[in-house]
Amino acid sequence: MTAAAALLLAVALDLACGEPPAPVHPVVWMGNMIQALKRRAPRSGRLAELLFGAVMALAVPCLFAALGAGIAALIAPHPIVGFALSGLFLKPTFALRALRDAAFGVRDALAAGDVPAARGALRSLCSRDPSELDEPALVAASVESVAENASDSFVAPLFYFTLFGLPGALFYRAVNTLDAMVGYHGRYEYLGKASARLDDALNFVPARITALLLLAAGWLRGADARRGLAVMLRDGGRTESPNAGRPMAAMAGLLRVELEKRGHYRLGDPVAPLRRGLIDEACRIVVLASLLFAAIAAAALAAVPVGEGLLR
């Protein structure tokens, strides 16, 4: 029951308070460590970069997992205080409110008719270059990002907390932070390859759970769940990422829109227009799907008599 209570407390803290200050935010610590390692990484030589990147991809997550294990060991003898401290340390591993607020930043700028400000706000949601995006494209990018990040920013960290306790949640968040900072094509092609592959592996199951949760939440909200399932099955594998396309395609079908990243993929069908109100509806579906998963995870943890995670 301690782990279940900690999970519910962490979700309540996220929705009520948002992110903790940067000096005490573990993800900021992760980012600072990764930045320091990047400065010391080899500047040339594919093999050297691959090896250094592989060490980074294991060392940083393992260090934070060890921190989580130490915290769990310290609070284990004190269940009443322990659930509160566990919830406080779990909260920074996910960011549902911040995800919604970032999407609302794009929506509010569009509502004010300020497309340049909307382009700037989109940078908080994704790494896509927004400089040439018009209003429909900004709406599409926001909806895609909210759907994709429902997995990365909520379901996946709680999935690994449910299985492995606080060490699992921190390990996942460190891997995902590495992927965001070095695991992409371009300058860090080889340095980030191990991080990107590990992130793909860790997100394989959570992304598919997220897609199913979005369909369930959409159905509860009266969206077109049948189309959502059909589009997910048809288009979910069209993205370069083996995972991101599933929740994005499910959301495209639910909202009956086409989501396109020019030159990369096209998901769904243009049955309905891309209007800014869809950002609100996508966020409502994501929040409901996230709360459904939190309830399922808490119920699973409550059913386990001892331990911080199902596989501990």
C-alpha atoms as a PDB file:
ATOM      1  CA  MET A   1       0.000   0.000   0.000  1.00  0.00           C
ATOM      2  CA  THR A   2       2.945   2.366   0.614  1.00  0.00           C
ATOM      3  CA  ALA A   3       4.001   2.334  -3.033  1.00  0.00           C
ATOM      4  CA  ALA A   4       0.410   2.774  -4.233  1.00  0.00           C
ATOM      5  CA  ALA A   5      -0.090   5.726  -1.893  1.00  0.00           C
ATOM      6  CA  ALA A   6       3.216   7.242  -3.017  1.00  0.00           C
ATOM      7  CA  LEU A   7       2.182   7.001  -6.668  1.00  0.00           C
ATOM      8  CA  LEU A   8      -1.164   8.683  -6.036  1.00  0.00           C
ATOM      9  CA  LEU A   9       0.503  11.386  -3.938  1.00  0.00           C
ATOM     10  CA  ALA A  10       3.027  12.064  -6.712  1.00  0.00           C
ATOM     11  CA  VAL A  11       0.239  12.419  -9.295  1.00  0.00           C
ATOM     12  CA  ALA A  12      -1.694  14.762  -6.992  1.00  0.00           C
ATOM     13  CA  LEU A  13       1.422  16.871  -6.436  1.00  0.00           C
ATOM     14  CA  ASP A  14       2.035  17.083 -10.172  1.00  0.00           C
ATOM     15  CA  LEU A  15      -1.491  18.229 -10.969  1.00  0.00           C
ATOM     16  CA  ALA A  16      -1.619  20.680  -8.059  1.00  0.00           C
ATOM     17  CA  CYS A  17       1.909  22.115  -8.033  1.00  0.00           C
ATOM     18  CA  GLY A  18       3.683  21.259 -11.272  1.00  0.00           C
ATOM     19  CA  GLU A  19       7.474  21.042 -11.338  1.00  0.00           C
ATOM     20  CA  PRO A  20       9.765  21.537  -8.330  1.00  0.00           C
ATOM     21  CA  PRO A  21      12.402  24.308  -8.454  1.00  0.00           C
ATOM     22  CA  ALA A  22      15.380  23.605 -10.715  1.00  0.00           C
ATOM     23  CA  PRO A  23      17.987  23.358  -7.897  1.00  0.00           C
ATOM     24  CA  VAL A  24      16.150  20.361  -6.358  1.00  0.00           C
ATOM     25  CA  HIS A  25      14.876  18.795  -9.585  1.00  0.00           C
ATOM     26  CA  PRO A  26      16.522  15.401 -10.320  1.00  0.00           C
ATOM     27  CA  VAL A  27      15.983  15.817 -14.063  1.00  0.00           C
ATOM     28  CA  VAL A  28      17.948  19.072 -13.934  1.00  0.00           C
ATOM     29  CA  TRP A  29      20.709  17.172 -12.126  1.00  0.00           C
ATOM     30  CA  MET A  30      20.609  14.554 -14.873  1.00  0.00           C
ATOM     31  CA  GLY A  31      20.842  17.229 -17.539  1.00  0.00           C
ATOM     32  CA  ASN A  32      23.806  18.895 -15.825  1.00  0.00           C
ATOM     33  CA  MET A  33      25.638  15.587 -15.572  1.00  0.00           C
ATOM     34  CA  ILE A  34      24.950  14.732 -19.196  1.00  0.00           C
ATOM     35  CA  GLN A  35      26.104  18.187 -20.302  1.00  0.00           C
ATOM     36  CA  ALA A  36      29.354  17.741 -18.367  1.00  0.00           C
ATOM     37  CA  LEU A  37      29.928  14.342 -19.973  1.00  0.00           C
ATOM     38  CA  LYS A  38      29.212  15.760 -23.439  1.00  0.00           C
ATOM     39  CA  ARG A  39      31.987  18.307 -22.937  1.00  0.00           C
ATOM     40  CA  ARG A  40      34.397  15.442 -22.240  1.00  0.00           C
ATOM     41  CA  ALA A  41      33.207  13.215 -25.099  1.00  0.00           C
ATOM     42  CA  PRO A  42      35.486  12.405 -28.062  1.00  0.00           C
ATOM     43  CA  ARG A  43      35.122  14.915 -30.887  1.00  0.00           C
ATOM     44  CA  SER A  44      36.031  12.490 -33.666  1.00  0.00           C
ATOM     45  CA  GLY A  45      36.214   8.783 -34.373  1.00  0.00           C
ATOM     46  CA  ARG A  46      33.000   6.813 -34.662  1.00  0.00           C
ATOM     47  CA  LEU A  47      34.158   3.932 -32.489  1.00  0.00           C
ATOM     48  CA  ALA A  48      35.375   6.222 -29.725  1.00  0.00           C
ATOM     49  CA  GLU A  49      32.074   8.127 -29.765  1.00  0.00           C
ATOM     50  CA  LEU A  50      30.058   4.910 -29.771  1.00  0.00           C
ATOM     51  CA  LEU A  51      31.983   3.522 -26.798  1.00  0.00           C
ATOM     52  CA  PHE A  52      31.818   6.760 -24.810  1.00  0.00           C
ATOM     53  CA  GLY A  53      28.097   7.027 -25.594  1.00  0.00           C
ATOM     54  CA  ALA A  54      27.497   3.456 -24.454  1.00  0.00           C
ATOM     55  CA  VAL A  55      29.223   4.152 -21.139  1.00  0.00           C
ATOM     56  CA  MET A  56      27.099   7.303 -20.730  1.00  0.00           C
ATOM     57  CA  ALA A  57      23.915   5.406 -21.576  1.00  0.00           C
ATOM     58  CA  LEU A  58      24.545   2.958 -18.730  1.00  0.00           C
ATOM     59  CA  ALA A  59      26.458   5.008 -16.160  1.00  0.00           C
ATOM     60  CA  VAL A  60      24.047   7.939 -15.786  1.00  0.00           C
ATOM     61  CA  PRO A  61      20.853   5.856 -15.428  1.00  0.00           C
ATOM     62  CA  CYS A  62      22.574   3.375 -13.099  1.00  0.00           C
ATOM     63  CA  LEU A  63      23.832   6.198 -10.882  1.00  0.00           C
ATOM     64  CA  PHE A  64      20.341   7.650 -10.485  1.00  0.00           C
ATOM     65  CA  ALA A  65      18.833   4.186 -10.031  1.00  0.00           C
ATOM     66  CA  ALA A  66      21.338   3.638  -7.211  1.00  0.00           C
ATOM     67  CA  LEU A  67      20.237   6.955  -5.697  1.00  0.00           C
ATOM     68  CA  GLY A  68      16.643   5.739  -5.868  1.00  0.00           C
ATOM     69  CA  ALA A  69      17.578   2.424  -4.269  1.00  0.00           C
ATOM     70  CA  GLY A  70      19.345   4.251  -1.456  1.00  0.00           C
ATOM     71  CA  ILE A  71      16.318   6.451  -0.819  1.00  0.00           C
ATOM     72  CA  ALA A  72      14.009   3.415  -0.882  1.00  0.00           C
ATOM     73  CA  ALA A  73      16.218   1.582   1.612  1.00  0.00           C
ATOM     74  CA  LEU A  74      16.295   4.556   3.980  1.00  0.00           C
ATOM     75  CA  ILE A  75      12.532   5.043   4.030  1.00  0.00           C
ATOM     76  CA  ALA A  76      11.534   1.351   4.001  1.00  0.00           C
ATOM     77  CA  PRO A  77      11.417   1.000   7.832  1.00  0.00           C
ATOM     78  CA  HIS A  78       9.133   4.035   8.110  1.00  0.00           C
ATOM     79  CA  PRO A  79       6.042   3.382   5.962  1.00  0.00           C
ATOM     80  CA  ILE A  80       4.021   6.411   7.063  1.00  0.00           C
ATOM     81  CA  VAL A  81       6.801   8.919   6.423  1.00  0.00           C
ATOM     82  CA  GLY A  82       8.133   6.723   3.640  1.00  0.00           C
ATOM     83  CA  PHE A  83       5.116   7.043   1.374  1.00  0.00           C
ATOM     84  CA  ALA A  84       5.324  10.841   1.535  1.00  0.00           C
ATOM     85  CA  LEU A  85       9.056  10.940   0.794  1.00  0.00           C
ATOM     86  CA  SER A  86       8.695   8.341  -1.950  1.00  0.00           C
ATOM     87  CA  GLY A  87       5.941  10.409  -3.540  1.00  0.00           C
ATOM     88  CA  LEU A  88       8.098  13.530  -3.366  1.00  0.00           C
ATOM     89  CA  PHE A  89      11.015  11.791  -5.078  1.00  0.00           C
ATOM     90  CA  LEU A  90       8.772  10.081  -7.649  1.00  0.00           C
ATOM     91  CA  LYS A  91       7.027  13.279  -8.754  1.00  0.00           C
ATOM     92  CA  PRO A  92       9.979  14.755 -10.732  1.00  0.00           C
ATOM     93  CA  THR A  93      10.182  11.642 -12.936  1.00  0.00           C
ATOM     94  CA  PHE A  94       6.990  12.628 -14.784  1.00  0.00           C
ATOM     95  CA  ALA A  95       5.374  15.884 -15.884  1.00  0.00           C
ATOM     96  CA  LEU A  96       1.726  15.688 -16.893  1.00  0.00           C
ATOM     97  CA  ARG A  97       0.804  19.228 -15.856  1.00  0.00           C
ATOM     98  CA  ALA A  98       3.880  20.699 -17.569  1.00  0.00           C
ATOM     99  CA  LEU A  99       2.972  18.846 -20.757  1.00  0.00           C
ATOM    100  CA  ARG A 100      -0.561  20.227 -20.715  1.00  0.00           C
ATOM    101  CA  ASP A 101       0.629  23.751 -19.896  1.00  0.00           C
ATOM    102  CA  ALA A 102       3.135  23.691 -22.763  1.00  0.00           C
ATOM    103  CA  ALA A 103       0.364  22.741 -25.183  1.00  0.00           C
ATOM    104  CA  PHE A 104      -1.848  25.475 -23.764  1.00  0.00           C
ATOM    105  CA  GLY A 105       0.927  27.959 -24.475  1.00  0.00           C
ATOM    106  CA  VAL A 106       0.600  27.208 -28.193  1.00  0.00           C
ATOM    107  CA  ARG A 107      -3.200  27.321 -27.985  1.00  0.00           C
ATOM    108  CA  ASP A 108      -3.270  30.661 -26.169  1.00  0.00           C
ATOM    109  CA  ALA A 109      -0.847  32.265 -28.625  1.00  0.00           C
ATOM    110  CA  LEU A 110      -2.974  31.074 -31.554  1.00  0.00           C
ATOM    111  CA  ALA A 111      -6.127  32.354 -29.844  1.00  0.00           C
ATOM    112  CA  ALA A 112      -4.434  35.772 -29.626  1.00  0.00           C
ATOM    113  CA  GLY A 113      -3.559  35.605 -33.326  1.00  0.00           C
ATOM    114  CA  ASP A 114       0.156  35.592 -32.541  1.00  0.00           C
ATOM    115  CA  VAL A 115       1.606  32.887 -34.784  1.00  0.00           C
ATOM    116  CA  PRO A 116       5.262  33.796 -34.027  1.00  0.00           C
ATOM    117  CA  ALA A 117       4.575  33.389 -30.285  1.00  0.00           C
ATOM    118  CA  ALA A 118       2.866  30.053 -30.991  1.00  0.00           C
ATOM    119  CA  ARG A 119       5.957  28.927 -32.898  1.00  0.00           C
ATOM    120  CA  GLY A 120       8.083  29.874 -29.912  1.00  0.00           C
ATOM    121  CA  ALA A 121       5.779  28.043 -27.515  1.00  0.00           C
ATOM    122  CA  LEU A 122       5.967  24.892 -29.639  1.00  0.00           C
ATOM    123  CA  ARG A 123       9.670  24.618 -28.805  1.00  0.00           C
ATOM    124  CA  SER A 124       8.653  23.610 -25.270  1.00  0.00           C
ATOM    125  CA  LEU A 125       6.799  20.611 -26.711  1.00  0.00           C
ATOM    126  CA  CYS A 126       9.100  19.253 -29.406  1.00  0.00           C
ATOM    127  CA  SER A 127      12.387  19.789 -31.206  1.00  0.00           C
ATOM    128  CA  ARG A 128      10.791  20.397 -34.613  1.00  0.00           C
ATOM    129  CA  ASP A 129      11.731  23.612 -36.411  1.00  0.00           C
ATOM    130  CA  PRO A 130       8.526  25.692 -36.193  1.00  0.00           C
ATOM    131  CA  SER A 131       9.727  28.676 -38.236  1.00  0.00           C
ATOM    132  CA  GLU A 132       7.686  27.775 -41.343  1.00  0.00           C
ATOM    133  CA  LEU A 133       4.600  26.316 -39.640  1.00  0.00           C
ATOM    134  CA  ASP A 134       1.219  27.973 -40.123  1.00  0.00           C
ATOM    135  CA  GLU A 135      -1.692  27.670 -37.671  1.00  0.00           C
ATOM    136  CA  PRO A 136      -2.988  24.230 -38.828  1.00  0.00           C
ATOM    137  CA  ALA A 137       0.558  22.829 -38.794  1.00  0.00           C
ATOM    138  CA  LEU A 138       1.141  24.249 -35.305  1.00  0.00           C
ATOM    139  CA  VAL A 139      -2.072  22.610 -34.097  1.00  0.00           C
ATOM    140  CA  ALA A 140      -1.026  19.300 -35.658  1.00  0.00           C
ATOM    141  CA  ALA A 141       2.441  19.450 -34.113  1.00  0.00           C
ATOM    142  CA  SER A 142       0.958  20.233 -30.691  1.00  0.00           C
ATOM    143  CA  VAL A 143      -1.519  17.363 -30.871  1.00  0.00           C
ATOM    144  CA  GLU A 144       1.220  14.963 -32.003  1.00  0.00           C
ATOM    145  CA  SER A 145       3.571  16.041 -29.232  1.00  0.00           C
ATOM    146  CA  VAL A 146       0.947  15.798 -26.504  1.00  0.00           C
ATOM    147  CA  ALA A 147       0.034  12.271 -27.625  1.00  0.00           C
ATOM    148  CA  GLU A 148       3.643  11.099 -27.946  1.00  0.00           C
ATOM    149  CA  ASN A 149       4.725  12.625 -24.652  1.00  0.00           C
ATOM    150  CA  ALA A 150       1.828  11.022 -22.796  1.00  0.00           C
ATOM    151  CA  SER A 151       4.055   7.948 -22.885  1.00  0.00           C
ATOM    152  CA  ASP A 152       7.477   9.534 -22.288  1.00  0.00           C
ATOM    153  CA  SER A 153       6.312  12.071 -19.712  1.00  0.00           C
ATOM    154  CA  PHE A 154       3.830   9.997 -17.716  1.00  0.00           C
ATOM    155  CA  VAL A 155       3.016   6.390 -18.540  1.00  0.00           C
ATOM    156  CA  ALA A 156       6.580   5.111 -18.978  1.00  0.00           C
ATOM    157  CA  PRO A 157       8.070   6.427 -15.699  1.00  0.00           C
ATOM    158  CA  LEU A 158       5.079   5.158 -13.711  1.00  0.00           C
ATOM    159  CA  PHE A 159       5.225   1.845 -15.575  1.00  0.00           C
ATOM    160  CA  TYR A 160       8.818   1.363 -14.416  1.00  0.00           C
ATOM    161  CA  PHE A 161       7.970   2.567 -10.906  1.00  0.00           C
ATOM    162  CA  THR A 162       5.258  -0.064 -10.755  1.00  0.00           C
ATOM    163  CA  LEU A 163       7.692  -2.783 -11.804  1.00  0.00           C
ATOM    164  CA  PHE A 164      10.927  -1.714 -10.109  1.00  0.00           C
ATOM    165  CA  GLY A 165      10.090   1.009  -7.626  1.00  0.00           C
ATOM    166  CA  LEU A 166      11.827   4.382  -7.417  1.00  0.00           C
ATOM    167  CA  PRO A 167      15.080   3.025  -8.981  1.00  0.00           C
ATOM    168  CA  GLY A 168      13.117   1.976 -12.066  1.00  0.00           C
ATOM    169  CA  ALA A 169      11.447   5.368 -12.478  1.00  0.00           C
ATOM    170  CA  LEU A 170      14.754   7.241 -12.109  1.00  0.00           C
ATOM    171  CA  PHE A 171      16.571   4.849 -14.454  1.00  0.00           C
ATOM    172  CA  TYR A 172      13.929   5.421 -17.133  1.00  0.00           C
ATOM    173  CA  ARG A 173      13.934   9.198 -16.705  1.00  0.00           C
ATOM    174  CA  ALA A 174      17.727   9.315 -17.009  1.00  0.00           C
ATOM    175  CA  VAL A 175      17.636   7.259 -20.222  1.00  0.00           C
ATOM    176  CA  ASN A 176      14.902   9.463 -21.662  1.00  0.00           C
ATOM    177  CA  THR A 177      16.849  12.606 -20.744  1.00  0.00           C
ATOM    178  CA  LEU A 178      19.944  11.195 -22.431  1.00  0.00           C
ATOM    179  CA  ASP A 179      17.909  10.492 -25.546  1.00  0.00           C
ATOM    180  CA  ALA A 180      16.578  14.052 -25.563  1.00  0.00           C
ATOM    181  CA  MET A 181      20.050  15.546 -25.194  1.00  0.00           C
ATOM    182  CA  VAL A 182      22.254  13.292 -27.343  1.00  0.00           C
ATOM    183  CA  GLY A 183      20.137  10.511 -28.866  1.00  0.00           C
ATOM    184  CA  TYR A 184      19.323  12.030 -32.237  1.00  0.00           C
ATOM    185  CA  HIS A 185      20.766  12.395 -35.725  1.00  0.00           C
ATOM    186  CA  GLY A 186      23.289  15.103 -36.496  1.00  0.00           C
ATOM    187  CA  ARG A 187      26.168  16.217 -34.309  1.00  0.00           C
ATOM    188  CA  TYR A 188      25.659  13.412 -31.771  1.00  0.00           C
ATOM    189  CA  GLU A 189      24.831  10.663 -34.267  1.00  0.00           C
ATOM    190  CA  TYR A 190      27.295   8.162 -32.780  1.00  0.00           C
ATOM    191  CA  LEU A 191      27.612   9.524 -29.252  1.00  0.00           C
ATOM    192  CA  GLY A 192      23.852   9.233 -28.798  1.00  0.00           C
ATOM    193  CA  LYS A 193      23.226   5.954 -30.584  1.00  0.00           C
ATOM    194  CA  ALA A 194      23.302   3.762 -27.453  1.00  0.00           C
ATOM    195  CA  SER A 195      21.013   6.160 -25.567  1.00  0.00           C
ATOM    196  CA  ALA A 196      18.551   6.251 -28.461  1.00  0.00           C
ATOM    197  CA  ARG A 197      18.429   2.471 -28.774  1.00  0.00           C
ATOM    198  CA  LEU A 198      18.003   1.993 -25.026  1.00  0.00           C
ATOM    199  CA  ASP A 199      15.229   4.593 -24.989  1.00  0.00           C
ATOM    200  CA  ASP A 200      13.492   2.793 -27.863  1.00  0.00           C
ATOM    201  CA  ALA A 201      13.654  -0.490 -25.966  1.00  0.00           C
ATOM    202  CA  LEU A 202      12.345   0.977 -22.702  1.00  0.00           C
ATOM    203  CA  ASN A 203       9.471   2.764 -24.448  1.00  0.00           C
ATOM    204  CA  PHE A 204       8.335  -0.204 -26.548  1.00  0.00           C
ATOM    205  CA  VAL A 205       5.714  -1.464 -24.082  1.00  0.00           C
ATOM    206  CA  PRO A 206       4.694   1.894 -22.496  1.00  0.00           C
ATOM    207  CA  ALA A 207       4.041   3.488 -25.906  1.00  0.00           C
ATOM    208  CA  ARG A 208       1.623   0.726 -26.857  1.00  0.00           C
ATOM    209  CA  ILE A 209      -0.066   0.854 -23.463  1.00  0.00           C
ATOM    210  CA  THR A 210      -0.410   4.605 -23.927  1.00  0.00           C
ATOM    211  CA  ALA A 211      -2.037   4.175 -27.339  1.00  0.00           C
ATOM    212  CA  LEU A 212      -4.616   1.789 -25.862  1.00  0.00           C
ATOM    213  CA  LEU A 213      -5.246   4.133 -22.932  1.00  0.00           C
ATOM    214  CA  LEU A 214      -5.795   7.029 -25.341  1.00  0.00           C
ATOM    215  CA  LEU A 215      -8.365   4.945 -27.201  1.00  0.00           C
ATOM    216  CA  ALA A 216     -10.118   4.126 -23.920  1.00  0.00           C
ATOM    217  CA  ALA A 217     -10.062   7.755 -22.769  1.00  0.00           C
ATOM    218  CA  GLY A 218     -11.259   8.930 -26.181  1.00  0.00           C
ATOM    219  CA  TRP A 219     -14.132   6.474 -26.079  1.00  0.00           C
ATOM    220  CA  LEU A 220     -15.118   7.752 -22.612  1.00  0.00           C
ATOM    221  CA  ARG A 221     -15.111  11.285 -23.995  1.00  0.00           C
ATOM    222  CA  GLY A 222     -17.221  10.342 -27.005  1.00  0.00           C
ATOM    223  CA  ALA A 223     -14.434  10.532 -29.589  1.00  0.00           C
ATOM    224  CA  ASP A 224     -14.263   8.189 -32.584  1.00  0.00           C
ATOM    225  CA  ALA A 225     -12.574   5.234 -30.859  1.00  0.00           C
ATOM    226  CA  ARG A 226     -13.278   2.847 -33.734  1.00  0.00           C
ATOM    227  CA  ARG A 227     -11.482   5.131 -36.177  1.00  0.00           C
ATOM    228  CA  GLY A 228      -8.733   5.664 -33.600  1.00  0.00           C
ATOM    229  CA  LEU A 229      -8.067   1.925 -33.415  1.00  0.00           C
ATOM    230  CA  ALA A 230      -8.134   1.546 -37.197  1.00  0.00           C
ATOM    231  CA  VAL A 231      -5.712   4.435 -37.740  1.00  0.00           C
ATOM    232  CA  MET A 232      -3.406   3.199 -34.986  1.00  0.00           C
ATOM    233  CA  LEU A 233      -3.209  -0.241 -36.599  1.00  0.00           C
ATOM    234  CA  ARG A 234      -2.768   1.222 -40.093  1.00  0.00           C
ATOM    235  CA  ASP A 235      -0.431   4.153 -39.452  1.00  0.00           C
ATOM    236  CA  GLY A 236       1.251   3.456 -36.101  1.00  0.00           C
ATOM    237  CA  GLY A 237       4.381   2.079 -37.750  1.00  0.00           C
ATOM    238  CA  ARG A 238       4.919   4.923 -40.221  1.00  0.00           C
ATOM    239  CA  THR A 239       7.205   7.028 -38.048  1.00  0.00           C
ATOM    240  CA  GLU A 240      10.971   6.620 -37.849  1.00  0.00           C
ATOM    241  CA  SER A 241      10.615   5.931 -34.137  1.00  0.00           C
ATOM    242  CA  PRO A 242       9.336   2.402 -33.424  1.00  0.00           C
ATOM    243  CA  ASN A 243       7.169   3.795 -30.631  1.00  0.00           C
ATOM    244  CA  ALA A 244       6.044   7.395 -31.192  1.00  0.00           C
ATOM    245  CA  GLY A 245       3.680   6.575 -34.039  1.00  0.00           C
ATOM    246  CA  ARG A 246       1.329   4.431 -31.949  1.00  0.00           C
ATOM    247  CA  PRO A 247      -0.075   7.087 -29.601  1.00  0.00           C
ATOM    248  CA  MET A 248       0.090   9.772 -32.316  1.00  0.00           C
ATOM    249  CA  ALA A 249      -1.849   7.630 -34.796  1.00  0.00           C
ATOM    250  CA  ALA A 250      -4.406   6.723 -32.127  1.00  0.00           C
ATOM    251  CA  MET A 251      -4.941  10.422 -31.387  1.00  0.00           C
ATOM    252  CA  ALA A 252      -5.223  11.274 -35.098  1.00  0.00           C
ATOM    253  CA  GLY A 253      -7.967   8.707 -35.479  1.00  0.00           C
ATOM    254  CA  LEU A 254      -9.793   9.798 -32.339  1.00  0.00           C
ATOM    255  CA  LEU A 255      -9.868  13.420 -33.514  1.00  0.00           C
ATOM    256  CA  ARG A 256     -10.516  12.436 -37.165  1.00  0.00           C
ATOM    257  CA  VAL A 257      -7.623  14.559 -38.440  1.00  0.00           C
ATOM    258  CA  GLU A 258      -4.457  14.096 -40.441  1.00  0.00           C
ATOM    259  CA  LEU A 259      -1.194  14.709 -38.614  1.00  0.00           C
ATOM    260  CA  GLU A 260       1.775  15.292 -40.890  1.00  0.00           C
ATOM    261  CA  LYS A 261       5.458  15.994 -40.459  1.00  0.00           C
ATOM    262  CA  ARG A 262       6.455  17.016 -43.946  1.00  0.00           C
ATOM    263  CA  GLY A 263       8.972  14.695 -45.507  1.00  0.00           C
ATOM    264  CA  HIS A 264       8.656  12.163 -42.692  1.00  0.00           C
ATOM    265  CA  TYR A 265       5.155  10.773 -42.085  1.00  0.00           C
ATOM    266  CA  ARG A 266       1.431  11.294 -42.453  1.00  0.00           C
ATOM    267  CA  LEU A 267      -0.962   9.815 -39.888  1.00  0.00           C
ATOM    268  CA  GLY A 268      -4.751   9.666 -40.034  1.00  0.00           C
ATOM    269  CA  ASP A 269      -7.233  11.107 -42.511  1.00  0.00           C
ATOM    270  CA  PRO A 270      -8.292  14.748 -43.083  1.00  0.00           C
ATOM    271  CA  VAL A 271     -11.929  14.212 -42.104  1.00  0.00           C
ATOM    272  CA  ALA A 272     -12.016  17.176 -39.700  1.00  0.00           C
ATOM    273  CA  PRO A 273     -10.087  20.478 -39.965  1.00  0.00           C
ATOM    274  CA  LEU A 274      -7.084  21.226 -37.775  1.00  0.00           C
ATOM    275  CA  ARG A 275      -8.466  23.919 -35.471  1.00  0.00           C
ATOM    276  CA  ARG A 276      -6.915  25.137 -32.246  1.00  0.00           C
ATOM    277  CA  GLY A 277      -9.742  23.666 -30.130  1.00  0.00           C
ATOM    278  CA  LEU A 278      -8.276  20.252 -30.898  1.00  0.00           C
ATOM    279  CA  ILE A 279      -5.343  21.071 -28.610  1.00  0.00           C
ATOM    280  CA  ASP A 280      -7.797  21.298 -25.707  1.00  0.00           C
ATOM    281  CA  GLU A 281      -9.464  18.022 -26.630  1.00  0.00           C
ATOM    282  CA  ALA A 282      -6.143  16.221 -27.087  1.00  0.00           C
ATOM    283  CA  CYS A 283      -5.047  17.420 -23.641  1.00  0.00           C
ATOM    284  CA  ARG A 284      -8.314  16.257 -22.054  1.00  0.00           C
ATOM    285  CA  ILE A 285      -7.884  12.814 -23.593  1.00  0.00           C
ATOM    286  CA  VAL A 286      -4.242  12.608 -22.476  1.00  0.00           C
ATOM    287  CA  VAL A 287      -5.035  13.667 -18.906  1.00  0.00           C
ATOM    288  CA  LEU A 288      -7.880  11.155 -18.663  1.00  0.00           C
ATOM    289  CA  ALA A 289      -5.720   8.382 -20.151  1.00  0.00           C
ATOM    290  CA  SER A 290      -2.951   9.244 -17.676  1.00  0.00           C
ATOM    291  CA  LEU A 291      -5.323   9.140 -14.713  1.00  0.00           C
ATOM    292  CA  LEU A 292      -6.629   5.773 -15.903  1.00  0.00           C
ATOM    293  CA  PHE A 293      -3.090   4.421 -15.948  1.00  0.00           C
ATOM    294  CA  ALA A 294      -2.331   5.896 -12.514  1.00  0.00           C
ATOM    295  CA  ALA A 295      -5.399   4.119 -11.118  1.00  0.00           C
ATOM    296  CA  ILE A 296      -4.407   0.814 -12.747  1.00  0.00           C
ATOM    297  CA  ALA A 297      -0.807   1.092 -11.519  1.00  0.00           C
ATOM    298  CA  ALA A 298      -1.882   2.007  -7.978  1.00  0.00           C
ATOM    299  CA  ALA A 299      -4.295  -0.938  -7.897  1.00  0.00           C
ATOM    300  CA  ALA A 300      -1.517  -3.284  -9.042  1.00  0.00           C
ATOM    301  CA  LEU A 301       0.848  -1.964  -6.368  1.00  0.00           C
ATOM    302  CA  ALA A 302      -1.818  -2.185  -3.669  1.00  0.00           C
ATOM    303  CA  ALA A 303      -2.323  -5.850  -4.531  1.00  0.00           C
ATOM    304  CA  VAL A 304       1.337  -6.591  -3.737  1.00  0.00           C
ATOM    305  CA  PRO A 305       1.730  -7.001   0.043  1.00  0.00           C
ATOM    306  CA  VAL A 306       5.424  -6.027   0.289  1.00  0.00           C
ATOM    307  CA  GLY A 307       7.832  -3.995  -1.804  1.00  0.00           C
ATOM    308  CA  GLU A 308       8.130  -0.820  -3.793  1.00  0.00           C
ATOM    309  CA  GLY A 309       7.590  -2.499  -7.143  1.00  0.00           C
ATOM    310  CA  LEU A 310       6.006  -5.616  -8.562  1.00  0.00           C
ATOM    311  CA  LEU A 311       9.368  -7.109  -9.539  1.00  0.00           C
ATOM    312  CA  ARG A 312      11.422  -5.908  -6.613  1.00  0.00           C
END
